[in-house]
Amino acid sequence: MHEETSVRQFVVGDLQTNCYALISEGACLVVDPGAAGARIAQQLKDVRVVGIVATHGHHDHVCGVAALKRATDAPFLIGWADAQRAQRAIEISSHVFDVSELGLEDAPMPDRELHEGDEICVGNETLRVIETPGHTEGGIVLLGDGVAFVGDTLFAGSCGRTDLVGGDPEEMMRTLRRLKRAIPPATVLLCGHGPDTTMEQELATN
């Protein structure tokens, strides 16, 4: 990343989801606003939110999108295969999690569906989309210069669970093999939950 670029982190929601704000030249891309869209908007009043992207369609990553979009009028982006999942996130999650009293709101229809190789530009930064099915059908990783937003595909010492609706352990293994080749070892991995890590660390220990 360029020297003037920064990343802010917010831990939000019932599952302690990591939301990130990538800020470059006063422009901001919010990644995975969890269920705290209005709160995040308040925290980002000093920058111009130019996009909201979800790494996948689970409730703990997308249920803040609608509120953040109302507050900022920024477009919503998500992997094409999870677009409908995000619009039914509460119903789908209710089969596993007790979300009935959390005041959640499904994601709106996306303004842009993302595909393999697409690019998202924020100020001086460019993120490339890598499709990463396994945790869900439409999961994505956003790979930038020295940093990657990996959502729930990869964690420090583990990977995303595959036992939820849309999960597939064989797809996850294929995805992880691809990421070994696609992400340079020195890249910082910003995960959907828990601490960040590096690709070098995960190649050595995960």
Foldseek 3Di string as FASTA:
>chain_A
DDPQWDKDWDQDDDQRWIWIWIAAPQETEIEQPFQQLQVVLVVSVSGQYAEYEYQAQANRRAQNQVVNCVSRVHFYEFAPVRQVCQQCRVVQCVVPDPCPPVPTHGHDRGPYHDDAQDWDDTHPKIWGWDAQFALARGGIWTDIDQEIEREQQDDQQGGHDQPGVRHDNVSSVVRVVVCLVVFDQRHWYRYGHDDIDGNVNVVVHD
